[in-house]
C-alpha atoms as a PDB file:
ATOM      1  CA  MET A   1       0.000   0.000   0.000  1.00  0.00           C
ATOM      2  CA  ARG A   2       1.278   3.474  -0.827  1.00  0.00           C
ATOM      3  CA  ARG A   3       1.346   5.944   2.030  1.00  0.00           C
ATOM      4  CA  ARG A   4       0.554   9.652   1.823  1.00  0.00           C
ATOM      5  CA  MET A   5       2.912  11.763   3.895  1.00  0.00           C
ATOM      6  CA  ALA A   6       3.384  15.421   4.870  1.00  0.00           C
ATOM      7  CA  ALA A   7       6.547  17.246   5.840  1.00  0.00           C
ATOM      8  CA  GLU A   8       7.006  18.457   9.412  1.00  0.00           C
ATOM      9  CA  GLY A   9       9.075  21.542   8.719  1.00  0.00           C
ATOM     10  CA  VAL A  10      12.225  21.758   6.699  1.00  0.00           C
ATOM     11  CA  SER A  11      14.357  19.544   8.922  1.00  0.00           C
ATOM     12  CA  GLY A  12      11.583  17.351  10.375  1.00  0.00           C
ATOM     13  CA  SER A  13      10.544  13.852   9.439  1.00  0.00           C
ATOM     14  CA  TRP A  14       7.609  12.605   7.392  1.00  0.00           C
ATOM     15  CA  ARG A  15       4.341  11.610   9.083  1.00  0.00           C
ATOM     16  CA  SER A  16       1.265   9.976   7.625  1.00  0.00           C
ATOM     17  CA  VAL A  17      -1.764  12.243   7.089  1.00  0.00           C
ATOM     18  CA  ASN A  18      -4.021   9.849   5.202  1.00  0.00           C
ATOM     19  CA  SER A  19      -6.575   9.040   7.906  1.00  0.00           C
ATOM     20  CA  GLY A  20      -9.858   8.657   6.036  1.00  0.00           C
ATOM     21  CA  LEU A  21      -8.198   8.087   2.661  1.00  0.00           C
ATOM     22  CA  GLY A  22      -7.480   4.397   3.217  1.00  0.00           C
ATOM     23  CA  SER A  23      -5.542   2.931   0.320  1.00  0.00           C
ATOM     24  CA  LEU A  24      -6.719   5.478  -2.274  1.00  0.00           C
ATOM     25  CA  GLN A  25      -4.138   6.505  -4.849  1.00  0.00           C
ATOM     26  CA  ILE A  26      -3.616  10.245  -4.623  1.00  0.00           C
ATOM     27  CA  ARG A  27      -2.796  11.882  -7.964  1.00  0.00           C
ATOM     28  CA  ALA A  28      -2.980  15.587  -7.052  1.00  0.00           C
ATOM     29  CA  LEU A  29      -2.868  17.824  -3.975  1.00  0.00           C
ATOM     30  CA  ASP A  30      -3.611  21.488  -3.459  1.00  0.00           C
ATOM     31  CA  VAL A  31      -3.576  23.674  -0.335  1.00  0.00           C
ATOM     32  CA  ASP A  32      -5.818  26.693   0.063  1.00  0.00           C
ATOM     33  CA  PRO A  33      -3.437  29.678   0.177  1.00  0.00           C
ATOM     34  CA  GLN A  34      -5.710  31.583   2.583  1.00  0.00           C
ATOM     35  CA  ARG A  35      -6.720  28.653   4.824  1.00  0.00           C
ATOM     36  CA  HIS A  36      -3.554  26.569   5.108  1.00  0.00           C
ATOM     37  CA  ASP A  37      -5.261  23.770   7.038  1.00  0.00           C
ATOM     38  CA  ARG A  38      -7.633  23.137   4.083  1.00  0.00           C
ATOM     39  CA  VAL A  39      -6.139  20.542   1.728  1.00  0.00           C
ATOM     40  CA  TYR A  40      -7.665  18.975  -1.395  1.00  0.00           C
ATOM     41  CA  ALA A  41      -6.691  15.531  -2.744  1.00  0.00           C
ATOM     42  CA  GLY A  42      -7.477  14.277  -6.247  1.00  0.00           C
ATOM     43  CA  THR A  43      -7.750  10.496  -6.465  1.00  0.00           C
ATOM     44  CA  SER A  44      -7.700   7.705  -9.018  1.00  0.00           C
ATOM     45  CA  GLY A  45     -11.353   6.957  -9.669  1.00  0.00           C
ATOM     46  CA  ARG A  46     -12.775   8.379  -6.427  1.00  0.00           C
ATOM     47  CA  GLY A  47     -12.922  12.095  -7.236  1.00  0.00           C
ATOM     48  CA  VAL A  48     -11.836  14.753  -4.740  1.00  0.00           C
ATOM     49  CA  TYR A  49     -11.430  14.563  -0.973  1.00  0.00           C
ATOM     50  CA  VAL A  50     -11.055  17.582   1.332  1.00  0.00           C
ATOM     51  CA  SER A  51      -9.440  18.023   4.733  1.00  0.00           C
ATOM     52  CA  GLY A  52     -10.195  20.983   6.954  1.00  0.00           C
ATOM     53  CA  ASP A  53      -7.570  20.086   9.537  1.00  0.00           C
ATOM     54  CA  GLY A  54      -4.341  19.847   7.588  1.00  0.00           C
ATOM     55  CA  GLY A  55      -4.815  16.217   6.587  1.00  0.00           C
ATOM     56  CA  ALA A  56      -5.715  14.736   9.984  1.00  0.00           C
ATOM     57  CA  SER A  57      -9.099  13.663   8.563  1.00  0.00           C
ATOM     58  CA  TRP A  58     -10.643  13.607   5.083  1.00  0.00           C
ATOM     59  CA  GLU A  59     -14.127  13.541   3.562  1.00  0.00           C
ATOM     60  CA  VAL A  60     -15.490  12.971   0.064  1.00  0.00           C
ATOM     61  CA  TRP A  61     -16.083  16.241  -1.836  1.00  0.00           C
ATOM     62  CA  ASN A  62     -17.669  15.052  -5.086  1.00  0.00           C
ATOM     63  CA  GLU A  63     -21.078  16.702  -5.423  1.00  0.00           C
ATOM     64  CA  GLY A  64     -21.534  17.220  -9.163  1.00  0.00           C
ATOM     65  CA  LEU A  65     -18.202  15.579  -9.984  1.00  0.00           C
ATOM     66  CA  GLY A  66     -18.699  11.913  -9.228  1.00  0.00           C
ATOM     67  CA  ASN A  67     -15.930   9.354  -9.003  1.00  0.00           C
ATOM     68  CA  LEU A  68     -13.693  10.594 -11.803  1.00  0.00           C
ATOM     69  CA  TRP A  69      -9.924  10.169 -12.038  1.00  0.00           C
ATOM     70  CA  VAL A  70      -8.550  13.531 -10.889  1.00  0.00           C
ATOM     71  CA  LYS A  71      -5.114  14.171 -12.346  1.00  0.00           C
ATOM     72  CA  ALA A  72      -4.615  17.843 -11.382  1.00  0.00           C
ATOM     73  CA  LEU A  73      -6.016  20.383  -8.908  1.00  0.00           C
ATOM     74  CA  ALA A  74      -5.573  24.161  -9.023  1.00  0.00           C
ATOM     75  CA  MET A  75      -6.947  26.936  -6.829  1.00  0.00           C
ATOM     76  CA  ASP A  76      -7.850  30.319  -8.328  1.00  0.00           C
ATOM     77  CA  VAL A  77      -5.276  32.239  -6.277  1.00  0.00           C
ATOM     78  CA  SER A  78      -6.648  35.665  -7.205  1.00  0.00           C
ATOM     79  CA  SER A  79      -9.775  35.053  -5.143  1.00  0.00           C
ATOM     80  CA  CYS A  80      -9.266  31.607  -3.530  1.00  0.00           C
ATOM     81  CA  ASP A  81     -12.926  30.828  -4.090  1.00  0.00           C
ATOM     82  CA  VAL A  82     -12.756  28.340  -6.993  1.00  0.00           C
ATOM     83  CA  LEU A  83     -10.973  24.986  -7.216  1.00  0.00           C
ATOM     84  CA  TYR A  84     -10.377  23.418 -10.636  1.00  0.00           C
ATOM     85  CA  ALA A  85     -10.006  19.685 -11.203  1.00  0.00           C
ATOM     86  CA  GLY A  86      -8.391  18.208 -14.291  1.00  0.00           C
ATOM     87  CA  THR A  87      -9.971  14.787 -14.846  1.00  0.00           C
ATOM     88  CA  ASN A  88     -10.236  11.988 -17.373  1.00  0.00           C
ATOM     89  CA  ASP A  89     -13.477  13.736 -18.452  1.00  0.00           C
ATOM     90  CA  GLY A  90     -12.204  17.319 -18.846  1.00  0.00           C
ATOM     91  CA  VAL A  91     -11.844  20.280 -16.500  1.00  0.00           C
ATOM     92  CA  TRP A  92     -14.344  20.875 -13.692  1.00  0.00           C
ATOM     93  CA  GLU A  93     -14.717  23.777 -11.243  1.00  0.00           C
ATOM     94  CA  ARG A  94     -16.280  24.165  -7.826  1.00  0.00           C
ATOM     95  CA  ALA A  95     -16.756  27.078  -5.464  1.00  0.00           C
ATOM     96  CA  VAL A  96     -14.960  26.596  -2.162  1.00  0.00           C
END
């Protein structure tokens, strides 16, 4: 099983932050530049998951998207109110 990890500072060690993701394959990550504890994960065939606590827990965030393969995520950094998902079925957007 592949493990998802996050860095603990520049000189720290890696720690797992995939509670709630199970063995999902993560293909893309994005962090909200205004709310640093809000993280988005694009998966292989399970759509997008969101964490509001820096990756300590995750929930499905697929309303309108479904279980697509998400290959890229990008936040509109000018306003931080839209997240884009590049999928196997085109580009999707969602207000955050």
